[in-house]
Amino acid sequence: METEQDAQRAWEDLLHRLKDLILVSFDRRVSQYEDDIKEKESQRALPGWNFCTFFILKEGLARGFESVGLVDDALVGYDELSVGLESFVAEQNAGGNLGRQGGGLLQYTESLKQTIDAFALDSSSRDDETVDLQSDALHKESADEIPINAARRPYRDMILANDVSAFDFRCYLFSRQITLLLRLANAQSTREELLAQLKEQQDSILYGVAPRVPTQQKKPEEKENLAKLAEICHRALEFIPQISHVMRQELLTAYAEEQQKERTATSLRDDVINNIVSSFGFSVAQQILAQTSTKALPIPSSTISFASDDEQKASIPEPKTMMHPARESSLHIKTPQQEHQPPPSPGVFPGPGQHPITHHGDSYEAYLAKNGLEELAAKRGDLYMFSRSILTNFGKPRGWSAGWDEAPIMHELGMLEMVDINLNDDGGDTTDKQGKSARDSRDLPLAGINSKLLRTAADNSTDFYRLYEILTDKALRHFTVAGLEQSIQGAMSDLAVLKYHLQEYRAATSFFCLTTPFFGESGWTWLELSMLVMYTKCLKHLKSKEFVRVALKLLTKACATQKDHQKPGTLAGSVCDGSVRAGISAVVNDAVGNISELALALPGDAKVPLDSFVTNVCLESMPVYHCDRDSATMSMRLQSLLPNEVTFDSVTLQLVTDNVAHTEVIFRAAEQTLIVPGPNVITLHCSSIIPGLFRVGKVCLQSSHLSLSSDYDTSSSKPSAHRIRSVLLHRPASALHVALSASRHMTLNKTNHLELTVHTGNNSIKSCEVRIRPATGGLRMLMNEAVCVGQPDCFAKPPEAGVFRLGALPRDSPTIIQFPYTIEQDVAEIVAKLDVSYHTDQDGPFATSETSKIPISLAVGVNVQDIFKHSFMYSRFSVSTGSTQPLRLYDSELLDSGIFEATRSGLASSTLDIFPDHPTTLVYKVQRKSIGEHRVAPNPPDVAFALV
């Protein structure tokens, strides 16, 4: 009796045998197909070879692979057929019409031509229809049809009958490739599910409602392959432009054989052709977006909303992403550190000495799924942008712009507008051609627009801008998931320009605030400048406090751009001619307004580098000294890059020295200075003349709270620092002079004096103040003991420590003030700084400064050496100079005392010259006097040895 186990083994053996037989049969069938394909391929060059027959044969092999689950092999077969079709079409186009007996494809699709004819005849009545956005029965004739579908038409029968065009052939091939890729991605949908997805996507865009059709719940183990979905989007991005070109060429070929009877009919037919081609491309993009939509893609919530008076604002949902909680987050903006990091490697093939990448907390499959998610988000975002480009092309002939056409494109300002002229037309048609660009939307037919979304947007400007914004927002959210920084910023800039064009300034401001810094840091100078102009105008309309800051940034960027493009020998400099610079200045001036009022409106002091607004700073001339007063003037030339004139309250030029004292001289403008765009010459005045060699240390222009300054040093790399030469200042002979010197009379056992000499020159002094500051350590000046030599009433106030205050002094008269000093250590010279400020009968105050080095050492040096003998003594005096100047000795004398007498050896009346390196020796003989001659002098002399 057969047991249950024997029955199970017998059943398994039967299944195993059936599988083997099926595989053997499949292998034989595949081998037969391959042999037939090779045979047909070898006959390709023979007359009468039919590509359609070859296609059916090779497609049979691909379908066989598909039937047994070898989807990858089937996809490779269809890819090879696609390449073969392209080659065959190229040969047919190069060789002309191959004839029907040779298997050539149709020149055009007859059904498309019939559709255009029908639309052209009925366009007048259809154009007058009103589109109701809330109606559910809006053009049902083609709105729910799937454009890319292998079951849409009997493609295989058409191919077998050689009654197929290149357009139908490509559509069938692409539909089969998409079907296989969807199967590989585990996202295969039925026709009903796809129609529900398309309806759901249209409703979400038109009405802003949540999806109403529940999606089929997959088993937990059936995960979608996001990389395959991304490949579908990638192929669609390549397929849509190609199929649109083929579709247009076939339609043009179909009507090229007919004689154009009326120009109006031809123009209307062209509009219908454009509508059909664009609508087909838009519908294909929407179909691919619906087929690749997956809840595994965490799209952030929308940032835009549309609301009526009686309903709250609702975000535009993303199809199939509202079925589960979506990630709530703001736009992901990369930091500068993240921006420069390279994308991580998958780690499959690590380099030498490297270890494979390990992912903590996630499996390797999850890591690959993340890469597929980012790729899918990026490709879907590109599809949304592609759909938006089709929408933009619909808006251009109707005069609807997304804002970039009206935006101030800075590098095109001032250039002549180019007009396309057809050389085959007469001159009389030029006016009609130029007027054709701006046509009323009511004159453009809606016939041929099968897409419900596109037809709704083409009906009026409000829906056009609404759909444009929705498509851009969807692309932005996909790019955010993909982490494409440049695409994110590009989409946000498009939204900013659109909001600016629609005069929604508050919304535009938020986008401009995010995008403008990115383009500036990325080197898009012209784009950043254009966006700053629009950003400034938005803040100006809103009367925002940020207007001043952004306007100042706009001025800085505009001036920097003009300065960079004015450099000689550069291509940009040759392009940026005077007309373009004038156009930039006009646009920036319109956005910023009066710069002086802008500086006054600053909330606090703002310091801006001078080179940001001014260039080519140089000294026009050397100092010019005045004869009637102690002052000088200099001219400074600079070129203003600002768009309009601005009044500066003060303009200062600081001259400094490089020595230890670091003396400063300030030249100032006498009054407010008006700086105009372009070259300017500013006259600067200085009433504090300090002799010496100076260089330009700082240039500062002050207007209210705005300060433009630039520091120049010897190590500066700025080109302007090398164009500013050194300046030599001196005091004219007619100016006031001060000098400090040692007194002519010096004693070794008493306090010595210094003499201050003030010579008024051509000035009639009303008051004068002299400050003396010692610069030598241990030097004390007893200025309270000062006396005027020859003028007892020269002091206006009693002398104080370090200060002499003098009264009125006549013209061209010297005033000498003598005062004692002490010093703690023996030095050859002392240093003191004199600061003088004074008023004259004509003007004031004036000032000057001078550093005096005063030698205080003795003029001669005497060294004595005594040689004792039995009854007398020799005293040898060595006399040398105390400075580098030679001396002449006329006479010398050693005075006698009460007991001793001195006698000079040699000629007593001889004249001797003493040089620094050759001292002179004087010898005296000293001996005791006779006893009778001894007497004590009542007043012994203070000096025993005298030199003349």
Foldseek 3Di string as FASTA:
>chain_A
DDDPVNVVVVVVVVVVVVVVVVVVVLVVVLVVLVVVLVVLVVCPPPAQRALLVSLVSLLVNLVSCVVVPVLVVSLVSLVVNVVVLVVLVVVCVVVDHSDVSSHDADLADPVVLVQLVVCLVCQVVQLPDDDDLPDPPGQPVFALDQLQALPPDVLSVCSVVSHHHPLSVLSNSLSVSVQSLCVVQLLHDDSVLLSLLLVQQVCLQSPVDHRDDDDDDDDPVRHGQLLSLLVNLVVLVVSLVVSLVSNLSSNCVVCVPPDDPDPVSVVQSVLLSLQQSLLSSLSNLSSSLSSSDELVQQFEWFPDFDDDPPDDTHTRDDGPVVVDDHDHDDFDADDPVVVPDDDDDLQPDDDPPDHRDDDPPDDSVVVVSLLSSLSSLLSNLVSLVVSLVSLQVLCQQQPAHLQPVVFCQQLCFLPDDDDDDDPVDDPVCPVVVVVSRHDHLSVRTNRNNSHPLSSVLSSDVVSSLSSSLVSLRSSLRSNSSSVPNVSNLVSLQSVLSNCLVVVVLVSSLVSLVPNLVVCVVVVVLSVSLRSLLSNLQSCVVVVDPCNLVSLVVSQLSLLVVQVVLCDPPDPSVVSCDPSSLLRSLVSSCVSNPAVLVSLQSDPAADEDAQSSFKDDKEWPDAWDADDQAFKTKTKIKIATSHSFKHKFAKKKWWWWDPDPVTDIFIWIQPGIDIDGHTMDMGMTMGQEFEFDKTFTAKIWTHRNRYIHMDGADPPDPDPSNVRYDIHGTDTDPQAKDKAKEWDPDDDDVDFTKIKIKIFHRQFWFAKKKKFKAWPDPQKAWPQQPKAKDPDRQQAPDRDDGRMTIGGTDGHGDMIMIMTTMDGDDDDQWTKMKMKMWTAGPPGDTGIYIDIHIYGDDDQKDWDWDWDDDDFKIKIKIWIAGPDQDKDKWQAKDFCAFLFKDKDWPDDGGDMDIHGHVRIDMTMIMMGTDDPVSHDHDPDDDPDRMDID
